[in-house]
Every structure is written in C-alpha cells, then in structure tokens.
Amino acid sequence: MNPPADLTLGTRRSQAAVLALLGGLLLVWQWPAGAGEPSTLERAPLEIVTEDERHRLEVELARSSAERQKGLMDRDHLAAEAGMLFLYAEPQPPQGGFWMYRTRIPLDIAFIDAEGRIAAKATMQPCPSQNPYDCPVTLAGVTYHAALEVNAGYFEAHDIGVGDCVIWPGSASKCAHLRDP
C-alpha cells in the first residue's frame, strides 16, 4: 500500500530539511572553533615590491561597504601569507581610518595611494571592549585608495615600508611596470 501523495511530499520535505541540517552541522564541525565564519570574499594574488624583493600574498577583496565594515572581525587566525585588501571607488580622506572592534588578531595596515604605493602604515592591536566606541581608530593621515591588512609584524619582518609598490589584478598601479617579465 502506498502512502497518500501529501504524506510522501511531507516526508520528502522532512528528508530535505534533515539533509540540510546535517550539511550545516558538517560545515560547522569542519570550520575551526572560534575562527569566525568562513569567508565568501573573492580572493586574489597581491604582490608587494620592495627595493630588494617581491612578496606574494593571497588576499581577500573587501569591495562593498558591508565587506569593508566587517573586515577581519571575529577571526582568530590569518594565514602567514594572507591578508585583506580594502578597495574604494573614491579616494579616502586622511582622517579616514580603521578600528579593531571585534577583531581578535593584531594587524599591520598599509594605506595605498593612487599610484599603488604604500603612503602610510601602522600596527593595530585587538580591542577587547564590547563597546565599539571604546576602540581606538587608526587614522590614515594620508589620502588613500586602498588599504591592506596583514598579520602584525609582517611589514617589519619583510622590510616593507612607505614608498613600496603594491600590485593586484585590476589595480591601476603606476608601479605595475615592476612586475616580473
């Protein structure tokens, strides 16, 4: 004897719901505890060209306002050769800046000018406060078109400084001629 059609449909919906729930649990189980949500941002290769060396990173691209606002919040780890590149359609003023609210890892930040060069940089420490207004803002102090966040200490360890060139796909970097032939 076959069950009524509406009961079969209900059973199929229940099975689909259970499978969706199991899939979600599997995703949570596979993602490291406390690591924050897995990123869905586009990734791209990025190169920092210094006088002596080329440093290659894989960065997440934060293009929209919402992506830039979230940044690296709620993450416990950033891979050694990774970062986040904040892209803007319009130049950002010198009084623009970044804060570390809900950001758990210390970061270096480079503010990148219209030519693709690092115009200013700073190191930022996590802000433990639950009140965002208690978190300090790191001001750029220069007009910038993009900002790059990497693990704190990366710039010093690799002797990366103001004036060094940053190149990524689609950048209008005037120092792009420095790419490998």
N, C-alpha and C. Protein backbone atom coordinates (compact mmCIF):
# COMPACT_ATOMS: atom_id res chain seq x y z
N MET A 1 0.84 -1.17 0.00
CA MET A 1 0.00 0.00 0.00
C MET A 1 0.89 1.23 0.00
N ASN A 2 0.64 2.17 -0.89
CA ASN A 2 1.38 3.41 -0.98
C ASN A 2 0.78 4.46 -0.05
N PRO A 3 1.63 5.31 0.55
CA PRO A 3 1.10 6.39 1.38
C PRO A 3 0.42 7.43 0.50
N PRO A 4 -0.48 8.24 1.07
CA PRO A 4 -1.11 9.32 0.30
C PRO A 4 -0.04 10.26 -0.24
N ALA A 5 -0.34 10.89 -1.36
CA ALA A 5 0.62 11.77 -2.04
C ALA A 5 1.08 12.90 -1.11
N ASP A 6 0.19 13.49 -0.32
CA ASP A 6 0.59 14.61 0.54
C ASP A 6 1.53 14.14 1.66
N LEU A 7 1.40 12.90 2.12
CA LEU A 7 2.30 12.36 3.12
C LEU A 7 3.68 12.13 2.51
N THR A 8 3.72 11.64 1.28
CA THR A 8 5.00 11.43 0.60
C THR A 8 5.73 12.76 0.41
N LEU A 9 5.01 13.80 0.01
CA LEU A 9 5.59 15.12 -0.17
C LEU A 9 6.13 15.63 1.15
N GLY A 10 5.36 15.43 2.23
CA GLY A 10 5.82 15.86 3.56
C GLY A 10 7.07 15.12 3.98
N THR A 11 7.12 13.83 3.68
CA THR A 11 8.30 13.03 4.02
C THR A 11 9.51 13.51 3.24
N ARG A 12 9.33 13.82 1.97
CA ARG A 12 10.45 14.32 1.15
C ARG A 12 10.95 15.66 1.70
N ARG A 13 10.01 16.51 2.09
CA ARG A 13 10.41 17.80 2.67
C ARG A 13 11.17 17.59 3.97
N SER A 14 10.72 16.67 4.79
CA SER A 14 11.40 16.37 6.05
C SER A 14 12.80 15.84 5.79
N GLN A 15 12.92 14.95 4.80
CA GLN A 15 14.23 14.41 4.47
C GLN A 15 15.16 15.51 3.99
N ALA A 16 14.64 16.41 3.17
CA ALA A 16 15.45 17.52 2.66
C ALA A 16 15.89 18.42 3.81
N ALA A 17 14.99 18.67 4.75
CA ALA A 17 15.33 19.51 5.90
C ALA A 17 16.41 18.85 6.75
N VAL A 18 16.30 17.55 6.97
CA VAL A 18 17.30 16.83 7.75
C VAL A 18 18.65 16.86 7.05
N LEU A 19 18.66 16.65 5.73
CA LEU A 19 19.91 16.69 4.97
C LEU A 19 20.54 18.09 5.03
N ALA A 20 19.72 19.13 4.92
CA ALA A 20 20.23 20.50 5.00
C ALA A 20 20.83 20.76 6.38
N LEU A 21 20.15 20.30 7.43
CA LEU A 21 20.65 20.47 8.78
C LEU A 21 21.97 19.73 8.96
N LEU A 22 22.06 18.50 8.48
CA LEU A 22 23.30 17.72 8.58
C LEU A 22 24.43 18.39 7.81
N GLY A 23 24.12 18.93 6.64
CA GLY A 23 25.13 19.64 5.86
C GLY A 23 25.64 20.85 6.60
N GLY A 24 24.74 21.60 7.23
CA GLY A 24 25.14 22.77 8.02
C GLY A 24 25.99 22.38 9.21
N LEU A 25 25.61 21.29 9.89
CA LEU A 25 26.40 20.81 11.03
C LEU A 25 27.77 20.36 10.58
N LEU A 26 27.86 19.72 9.43
CA LEU A 26 29.15 19.29 8.91
C LEU A 26 30.05 20.50 8.64
N LEU A 27 29.48 21.56 8.07
CA LEU A 27 30.24 22.77 7.80
C LEU A 27 30.76 23.36 9.10
N VAL A 28 29.91 23.45 10.13
CA VAL A 28 30.31 23.98 11.41
C VAL A 28 31.38 23.09 12.03
N TRP A 29 31.22 21.78 11.94
CA TRP A 29 32.18 20.85 12.50
C TRP A 29 33.55 21.00 11.83
N GLN A 30 33.57 21.21 10.51
CA GLN A 30 34.83 21.30 9.78
C GLN A 30 35.52 22.65 10.00
N TRP A 31 34.76 23.71 10.28
CA TRP A 31 35.34 25.03 10.47
C TRP A 31 35.93 25.11 11.86
N PRO A 32 37.15 25.57 12.05
CA PRO A 32 37.77 25.59 13.37
C PRO A 32 36.97 26.42 14.37
N ALA A 33 36.84 25.91 15.57
CA ALA A 33 36.08 26.61 16.61
C ALA A 33 36.69 27.98 16.86
N GLY A 34 35.84 28.99 16.95
CA GLY A 34 36.28 30.34 17.24
C GLY A 34 36.95 31.03 16.08
N ALA A 35 36.97 30.43 14.93
CA ALA A 35 37.65 31.04 13.78
C ALA A 35 36.78 32.04 13.06
N GLY A 36 35.55 32.23 13.47
CA GLY A 36 34.65 33.11 12.77
C GLY A 36 34.03 32.38 11.59
N GLU A 37 33.22 33.08 10.87
CA GLU A 37 32.56 32.45 9.72
C GLU A 37 33.54 32.28 8.57
N PRO A 38 33.39 31.22 7.77
CA PRO A 38 34.26 31.10 6.60
C PRO A 38 34.01 32.28 5.65
N SER A 39 35.06 32.77 5.08
CA SER A 39 34.93 33.92 4.19
C SER A 39 34.38 33.52 2.83
N THR A 40 33.52 34.34 2.32
CA THR A 40 33.00 34.13 0.97
C THR A 40 33.52 35.21 0.02
N LEU A 41 34.47 36.01 0.50
CA LEU A 41 35.01 37.09 -0.32
C LEU A 41 35.88 36.53 -1.44
N GLU A 42 35.89 37.26 -2.54
CA GLU A 42 36.77 36.93 -3.66
C GLU A 42 38.22 37.02 -3.18
N ARG A 43 39.06 36.14 -3.67
CA ARG A 43 40.48 36.14 -3.34
C ARG A 43 41.29 36.49 -4.59
N ALA A 44 42.44 37.09 -4.36
CA ALA A 44 43.29 37.48 -5.47
C ALA A 44 44.75 37.47 -5.03
N PRO A 45 45.66 37.25 -5.97
CA PRO A 45 47.08 37.36 -5.62
C PRO A 45 47.45 38.84 -5.51
N LEU A 46 48.38 39.13 -4.63
CA LEU A 46 48.85 40.51 -4.45
C LEU A 46 50.36 40.43 -4.30
N GLU A 47 51.03 41.43 -4.80
CA GLU A 47 52.49 41.48 -4.73
C GLU A 47 52.92 42.81 -4.14
N ILE A 48 53.85 42.76 -3.21
CA ILE A 48 54.47 43.97 -2.68
C ILE A 48 55.91 43.96 -3.17
N VAL A 49 56.27 45.01 -3.89
CA VAL A 49 57.61 45.09 -4.48
C VAL A 49 58.42 46.11 -3.69
N THR A 50 59.48 45.61 -3.06
CA THR A 50 60.40 46.49 -2.34
C THR A 50 61.63 46.70 -3.21
N GLU A 51 62.58 47.42 -2.70
CA GLU A 51 63.81 47.66 -3.46
C GLU A 51 64.54 46.36 -3.76
N ASP A 52 64.46 45.40 -2.82
CA ASP A 52 65.25 44.18 -2.95
C ASP A 52 64.47 42.92 -3.25
N GLU A 53 63.15 42.93 -3.06
CA GLU A 53 62.41 41.68 -3.10
C GLU A 53 60.96 41.87 -3.51
N ARG A 54 60.35 40.73 -3.86
CA ARG A 54 58.92 40.67 -4.17
C ARG A 54 58.27 39.75 -3.14
N HIS A 55 57.20 40.23 -2.53
CA HIS A 55 56.48 39.44 -1.53
C HIS A 55 55.09 39.16 -2.06
N ARG A 56 54.75 37.89 -2.13
CA ARG A 56 53.46 37.49 -2.69
C ARG A 56 52.51 37.06 -1.58
N LEU A 57 51.28 37.56 -1.66
CA LEU A 57 50.23 37.24 -0.71
C LEU A 57 48.98 36.81 -1.45
N GLU A 58 48.13 36.10 -0.77
CA GLU A 58 46.78 35.78 -1.26
C GLU A 58 45.84 36.60 -0.37
N VAL A 59 45.11 37.53 -0.97
CA VAL A 59 44.27 38.43 -0.17
C VAL A 59 42.79 38.25 -0.50
N GLU A 60 41.98 38.54 0.49
CA GLU A 60 40.54 38.62 0.30
C GLU A 60 40.25 40.06 -0.09
N LEU A 61 39.33 40.24 -1.03
CA LEU A 61 38.99 41.59 -1.50
C LEU A 61 37.70 42.06 -0.85
N ALA A 62 37.79 43.16 -0.12
CA ALA A 62 36.62 43.78 0.51
C ALA A 62 36.26 44.99 -0.34
N ARG A 63 35.24 44.82 -1.18
CA ARG A 63 34.87 45.86 -2.14
C ARG A 63 33.67 46.69 -1.70
N SER A 64 32.66 46.03 -1.12
CA SER A 64 31.43 46.74 -0.75
C SER A 64 31.58 47.36 0.64
N SER A 65 30.72 48.28 0.94
CA SER A 65 30.73 48.91 2.26
C SER A 65 30.56 47.86 3.36
N ALA A 66 29.64 46.93 3.18
CA ALA A 66 29.40 45.89 4.18
C ALA A 66 30.63 45.01 4.36
N GLU A 67 31.30 44.66 3.26
CA GLU A 67 32.51 43.83 3.34
C GLU A 67 33.63 44.57 4.06
N ARG A 68 33.76 45.87 3.76
CA ARG A 68 34.80 46.67 4.41
C ARG A 68 34.50 46.85 5.90
N GLN A 69 33.23 47.03 6.24
CA GLN A 69 32.87 47.20 7.65
C GLN A 69 33.16 45.93 8.45
N LYS A 70 32.91 44.78 7.89
CA LYS A 70 33.15 43.51 8.59
C LYS A 70 34.64 43.20 8.67
N GLY A 71 35.36 43.45 7.59
CA GLY A 71 36.80 43.23 7.59
C GLY A 71 37.19 41.87 8.14
N LEU A 72 38.13 41.85 9.06
CA LEU A 72 38.63 40.62 9.65
C LEU A 72 38.05 40.38 11.06
N MET A 73 36.89 40.95 11.31
CA MET A 73 36.23 40.75 12.61
C MET A 73 35.97 39.27 12.86
N ASP A 74 35.99 38.90 14.13
CA ASP A 74 35.59 37.58 14.62
C ASP A 74 36.48 36.44 14.12
N ARG A 75 37.69 36.74 13.72
CA ARG A 75 38.61 35.68 13.29
C ARG A 75 39.71 35.52 14.33
N ASP A 76 40.13 34.30 14.51
CA ASP A 76 41.20 34.00 15.45
C ASP A 76 42.54 33.78 14.76
N HIS A 77 42.55 33.74 13.44
CA HIS A 77 43.77 33.38 12.72
C HIS A 77 43.75 34.00 11.32
N LEU A 78 44.92 34.37 10.87
CA LEU A 78 45.12 34.81 9.50
C LEU A 78 46.40 34.11 9.04
N ALA A 79 46.32 33.40 7.92
CA ALA A 79 47.50 32.67 7.42
C ALA A 79 48.67 33.63 7.22
N ALA A 80 49.88 33.10 7.32
CA ALA A 80 51.10 33.91 7.26
C ALA A 80 51.22 34.73 5.97
N GLU A 81 50.83 34.17 4.86
CA GLU A 81 50.96 34.85 3.56
C GLU A 81 49.59 35.28 3.04
N ALA A 82 48.73 35.74 3.94
CA ALA A 82 47.37 36.16 3.58
C ALA A 82 47.12 37.56 4.09
N GLY A 83 46.02 38.12 3.64
CA GLY A 83 45.63 39.45 4.09
C GLY A 83 44.26 39.81 3.55
N MET A 84 43.87 41.04 3.81
CA MET A 84 42.62 41.57 3.26
C MET A 84 42.92 42.92 2.63
N LEU A 85 42.45 43.08 1.40
CA LEU A 85 42.63 44.33 0.67
C LEU A 85 41.30 45.04 0.60
N PHE A 86 41.25 46.24 1.16
CA PHE A 86 40.04 47.07 1.17
C PHE A 86 40.12 48.01 -0.02
N LEU A 87 39.16 47.88 -0.93
CA LEU A 87 39.16 48.67 -2.16
C LEU A 87 38.06 49.72 -2.12
N TYR A 88 38.36 50.90 -2.64
CA TYR A 88 37.42 52.02 -2.65
C TYR A 88 37.29 52.58 -4.05
N ALA A 89 36.08 52.98 -4.42
CA ALA A 89 35.84 53.58 -5.73
C ALA A 89 36.33 55.03 -5.76
N GLU A 90 36.31 55.68 -4.60
CA GLU A 90 36.73 57.08 -4.49
C GLU A 90 37.88 57.20 -3.50
N PRO A 91 38.72 58.22 -3.66
CA PRO A 91 39.81 58.42 -2.69
C PRO A 91 39.23 58.64 -1.29
N GLN A 92 39.92 58.10 -0.30
CA GLN A 92 39.51 58.25 1.09
C GLN A 92 40.35 59.35 1.74
N PRO A 93 39.73 60.17 2.59
CA PRO A 93 40.45 61.31 3.18
C PRO A 93 41.45 60.87 4.25
N PRO A 94 42.43 61.73 4.54
CA PRO A 94 43.43 61.42 5.56
C PRO A 94 42.83 61.14 6.94
N GLN A 95 41.68 61.73 7.23
CA GLN A 95 41.04 61.50 8.53
C GLN A 95 40.23 60.20 8.55
N GLY A 96 40.22 59.47 7.44
CA GLY A 96 39.60 58.15 7.41
C GLY A 96 40.50 57.16 8.11
N GLY A 97 39.91 56.11 8.63
CA GLY A 97 40.75 55.17 9.34
C GLY A 97 40.07 53.84 9.61
N PHE A 98 40.74 53.02 10.39
CA PHE A 98 40.28 51.67 10.71
C PHE A 98 40.29 51.48 12.21
N TRP A 99 39.40 50.65 12.69
CA TRP A 99 39.38 50.30 14.11
C TRP A 99 39.40 48.79 14.25
N MET A 100 39.61 48.34 15.47
CA MET A 100 39.80 46.91 15.72
C MET A 100 38.65 46.32 16.54
N TYR A 101 37.50 46.92 16.48
CA TYR A 101 36.34 46.38 17.20
C TYR A 101 36.05 44.96 16.71
N ARG A 102 35.93 44.02 17.63
CA ARG A 102 35.65 42.60 17.36
C ARG A 102 36.73 41.96 16.48
N THR A 103 37.90 42.56 16.41
CA THR A 103 39.00 41.96 15.67
C THR A 103 39.95 41.37 16.70
N ARG A 104 40.22 40.08 16.58
CA ARG A 104 40.93 39.34 17.63
C ARG A 104 42.42 39.19 17.40
N ILE A 105 42.89 39.53 16.22
CA ILE A 105 44.31 39.32 15.92
C ILE A 105 44.99 40.66 15.63
N PRO A 106 46.21 40.85 16.12
CA PRO A 106 46.92 42.10 15.82
C PRO A 106 47.25 42.16 14.33
N LEU A 107 47.15 43.35 13.78
CA LEU A 107 47.32 43.53 12.33
C LEU A 107 48.23 44.70 12.01
N ASP A 108 48.94 44.58 10.89
CA ASP A 108 49.60 45.72 10.25
C ASP A 108 48.64 46.22 9.18
N ILE A 109 48.64 47.53 8.96
CA ILE A 109 47.83 48.10 7.88
C ILE A 109 48.70 49.03 7.05
N ALA A 110 48.53 48.96 5.74
CA ALA A 110 49.19 49.87 4.81
C ALA A 110 48.12 50.62 4.04
N PHE A 111 48.23 51.93 4.01
CA PHE A 111 47.31 52.76 3.24
C PHE A 111 47.99 53.03 1.90
N ILE A 112 47.30 52.70 0.81
CA ILE A 112 47.88 52.70 -0.53
C ILE A 112 47.35 53.87 -1.34
N ASP A 113 48.26 54.62 -1.95
CA ASP A 113 47.85 55.81 -2.70
C ASP A 113 47.41 55.49 -4.13
N ALA A 114 47.09 56.51 -4.90
CA ALA A 114 46.56 56.34 -6.26
C ALA A 114 47.58 55.70 -7.19
N GLU A 115 48.86 55.81 -6.89
CA GLU A 115 49.90 55.22 -7.73
C GLU A 115 50.20 53.78 -7.36
N GLY A 116 49.57 53.27 -6.30
CA GLY A 116 49.80 51.90 -5.88
C GLY A 116 50.95 51.76 -4.90
N ARG A 117 51.37 52.87 -4.32
CA ARG A 117 52.47 52.83 -3.37
C ARG A 117 51.95 52.97 -1.94
N ILE A 118 52.67 52.37 -1.02
CA ILE A 118 52.31 52.50 0.39
C ILE A 118 52.61 53.94 0.82
N ALA A 119 51.57 54.64 1.26
CA ALA A 119 51.69 56.04 1.65
C ALA A 119 51.85 56.18 3.16
N ALA A 120 51.33 55.21 3.91
CA ALA A 120 51.45 55.20 5.37
C ALA A 120 51.18 53.79 5.85
N LYS A 121 51.68 53.48 7.04
CA LYS A 121 51.43 52.16 7.61
C LYS A 121 51.39 52.27 9.12
N ALA A 122 50.77 51.28 9.74
CA ALA A 122 50.64 51.27 11.20
C ALA A 122 50.42 49.83 11.66
N THR A 123 50.58 49.61 12.95
CA THR A 123 50.24 48.34 13.57
C THR A 123 49.07 48.58 14.50
N MET A 124 48.10 47.68 14.46
CA MET A 124 46.87 47.83 15.25
C MET A 124 46.72 46.61 16.17
N GLN A 125 46.34 46.87 17.42
CA GLN A 125 46.12 45.80 18.39
C GLN A 125 44.63 45.54 18.55
N PRO A 126 44.25 44.31 18.88
CA PRO A 126 42.83 43.99 19.11
C PRO A 126 42.24 44.88 20.21
N CYS A 127 40.97 45.17 20.08
CA CYS A 127 40.26 45.96 21.09
C CYS A 127 39.35 45.00 21.86
N PRO A 128 39.60 44.81 23.16
CA PRO A 128 38.82 43.85 23.93
C PRO A 128 37.43 44.35 24.34
N SER A 129 37.14 45.61 24.14
CA SER A 129 35.88 46.18 24.60
C SER A 129 34.68 45.68 23.80
N GLN A 130 33.57 45.48 24.49
CA GLN A 130 32.32 45.13 23.83
C GLN A 130 31.63 46.39 23.30
N ASN A 131 32.13 47.55 23.69
CA ASN A 131 31.57 48.82 23.23
C ASN A 131 32.44 49.36 22.10
N PRO A 132 31.91 49.42 20.89
CA PRO A 132 32.75 49.85 19.75
C PRO A 132 33.33 51.25 19.93
N TYR A 133 32.65 52.10 20.69
CA TYR A 133 33.13 53.47 20.87
C TYR A 133 34.35 53.55 21.79
N ASP A 134 34.68 52.45 22.46
CA ASP A 134 35.88 52.40 23.29
C ASP A 134 37.10 51.98 22.49
N CYS A 135 36.92 51.57 21.25
CA CYS A 135 38.03 51.10 20.42
C CYS A 135 38.67 52.27 19.68
N PRO A 136 40.00 52.39 19.77
CA PRO A 136 40.67 53.48 19.06
C PRO A 136 40.61 53.30 17.54
N VAL A 137 40.70 54.42 16.85
CA VAL A 137 40.72 54.42 15.39
C VAL A 137 42.15 54.73 14.94
N THR A 138 42.65 53.94 14.00
CA THR A 138 43.95 54.21 13.40
C THR A 138 43.70 55.05 12.16
N LEU A 139 44.06 56.32 12.24
CA LEU A 139 43.84 57.24 11.12
C LEU A 139 44.93 57.07 10.07
N ALA A 140 44.53 57.21 8.81
CA ALA A 140 45.49 57.06 7.71
C ALA A 140 46.51 58.19 7.71
N GLY A 141 46.05 59.43 7.89
CA GLY A 141 46.95 60.58 7.83
C GLY A 141 47.33 60.97 6.42
N VAL A 142 46.86 60.21 5.44
CA VAL A 142 47.13 60.46 4.02
C VAL A 142 45.87 60.10 3.23
N THR A 143 45.73 60.66 2.04
CA THR A 143 44.66 60.22 1.16
C THR A 143 45.02 58.83 0.64
N TYR A 144 44.05 57.92 0.65
CA TYR A 144 44.33 56.56 0.21
C TYR A 144 43.22 56.03 -0.68
N HIS A 145 43.56 55.08 -1.53
CA HIS A 145 42.62 54.46 -2.47
C HIS A 145 42.37 52.99 -2.14
N ALA A 146 43.23 52.43 -1.31
CA ALA A 146 43.09 51.04 -0.86
C ALA A 146 43.84 50.92 0.45
N ALA A 147 43.52 49.86 1.19
CA ALA A 147 44.24 49.58 2.43
C ALA A 147 44.45 48.07 2.49
N LEU A 148 45.61 47.68 2.98
CA LEU A 148 45.98 46.28 3.08
C LEU A 148 46.23 45.92 4.54
N GLU A 149 45.51 44.90 5.03
CA GLU A 149 45.74 44.39 6.38
C GLU A 149 46.41 43.02 6.28
N VAL A 150 47.46 42.84 7.09
CA VAL A 150 48.19 41.58 7.19
C VAL A 150 48.49 41.35 8.67
N ASN A 151 49.03 40.19 9.00
CA ASN A 151 49.41 39.92 10.39
C ASN A 151 50.40 40.96 10.89
N ALA A 152 50.23 41.37 12.15
CA ALA A 152 51.15 42.33 12.76
C ALA A 152 52.57 41.78 12.70
N GLY A 153 53.50 42.64 12.35
CA GLY A 153 54.90 42.26 12.25
C GLY A 153 55.34 41.88 10.85
N TYR A 154 54.37 41.67 9.94
CA TYR A 154 54.70 41.23 8.58
C TYR A 154 55.56 42.29 7.87
N PHE A 155 55.16 43.55 7.94
CA PHE A 155 55.90 44.60 7.22
C PHE A 155 57.33 44.72 7.75
N GLU A 156 57.49 44.71 9.06
CA GLU A 156 58.83 44.82 9.63
C GLU A 156 59.68 43.60 9.28
N ALA A 157 59.09 42.41 9.39
CA ALA A 157 59.84 41.17 9.09
C ALA A 157 60.31 41.11 7.64
N HIS A 158 59.58 41.76 6.74
CA HIS A 158 59.92 41.70 5.32
C HIS A 158 60.49 43.03 4.81
N ASP A 159 60.81 43.93 5.73
CA ASP A 159 61.40 45.23 5.38
C ASP A 159 60.56 45.98 4.35
N ILE A 160 59.24 46.01 4.59
CA ILE A 160 58.30 46.71 3.71
C ILE A 160 57.99 48.06 4.32
N GLY A 161 58.13 49.11 3.50
CA GLY A 161 57.94 50.45 4.04
C GLY A 161 57.20 51.38 3.10
N VAL A 162 57.07 52.61 3.56
CA VAL A 162 56.44 53.66 2.78
C VAL A 162 57.19 53.80 1.46
N GLY A 163 56.44 53.89 0.37
CA GLY A 163 57.03 54.02 -0.97
C GLY A 163 57.08 52.71 -1.73
N ASP A 164 56.96 51.59 -1.03
CA ASP A 164 56.97 50.30 -1.72
C ASP A 164 55.68 50.13 -2.52
N CYS A 165 55.77 49.36 -3.58
CA CYS A 165 54.69 49.21 -4.55
C CYS A 165 53.81 48.00 -4.23
N VAL A 166 52.50 48.19 -4.36
CA VAL A 166 51.54 47.11 -4.15
C VAL A 166 50.78 46.90 -5.46
N ILE A 167 50.77 45.65 -5.93
CA ILE A 167 50.16 45.33 -7.22
C ILE A 167 49.17 44.18 -7.03
N TRP A 168 47.98 44.32 -7.59
CA TRP A 168 46.97 43.26 -7.58
C TRP A 168 46.23 43.30 -8.89
N PRO A 169 45.56 42.23 -9.28
CA PRO A 169 44.83 42.21 -10.56
C PRO A 169 43.79 43.33 -10.61
N GLY A 170 43.83 44.08 -11.69
CA GLY A 170 42.87 45.16 -11.88
C GLY A 170 43.31 46.47 -11.25
N SER A 171 44.45 46.48 -10.59
CA SER A 171 44.90 47.74 -9.98
C SER A 171 45.40 48.68 -11.07
N ALA A 172 45.24 49.95 -10.80
CA ALA A 172 45.73 50.97 -11.73
C ALA A 172 47.10 51.45 -11.27
N SER A 173 47.84 50.55 -10.66
CA SER A 173 49.13 50.89 -10.09
C SER A 173 50.08 51.44 -11.15
N LYS A 174 50.64 52.60 -10.86
CA LYS A 174 51.62 53.20 -11.77
C LYS A 174 52.99 52.56 -11.61
N CYS A 175 53.09 51.67 -10.62
CA CYS A 175 54.34 50.95 -10.47
C CYS A 175 54.19 49.52 -10.98
N ALA A 176 53.15 49.27 -11.75
CA ALA A 176 52.90 47.93 -12.29
C ALA A 176 54.00 47.47 -13.24
N HIS A 177 54.76 48.41 -13.76
CA HIS A 177 55.88 48.04 -14.65
C HIS A 177 56.94 47.23 -13.90
N LEU A 178 56.82 47.17 -12.57
CA LEU A 178 57.78 46.41 -11.78
C LEU A 178 57.49 44.92 -11.77
N ARG A 179 56.37 44.50 -12.40
CA ARG A 179 56.02 43.08 -12.43
C ARG A 179 57.11 42.26 -13.10
N ASP A 180 57.13 40.98 -12.74
CA ASP A 180 58.07 40.07 -13.42
C ASP A 180 57.76 40.05 -14.91
N PRO A 181 58.76 39.99 -15.77
CA PRO A 181 58.51 39.94 -17.21
C PRO A 181 57.85 38.66 -17.64
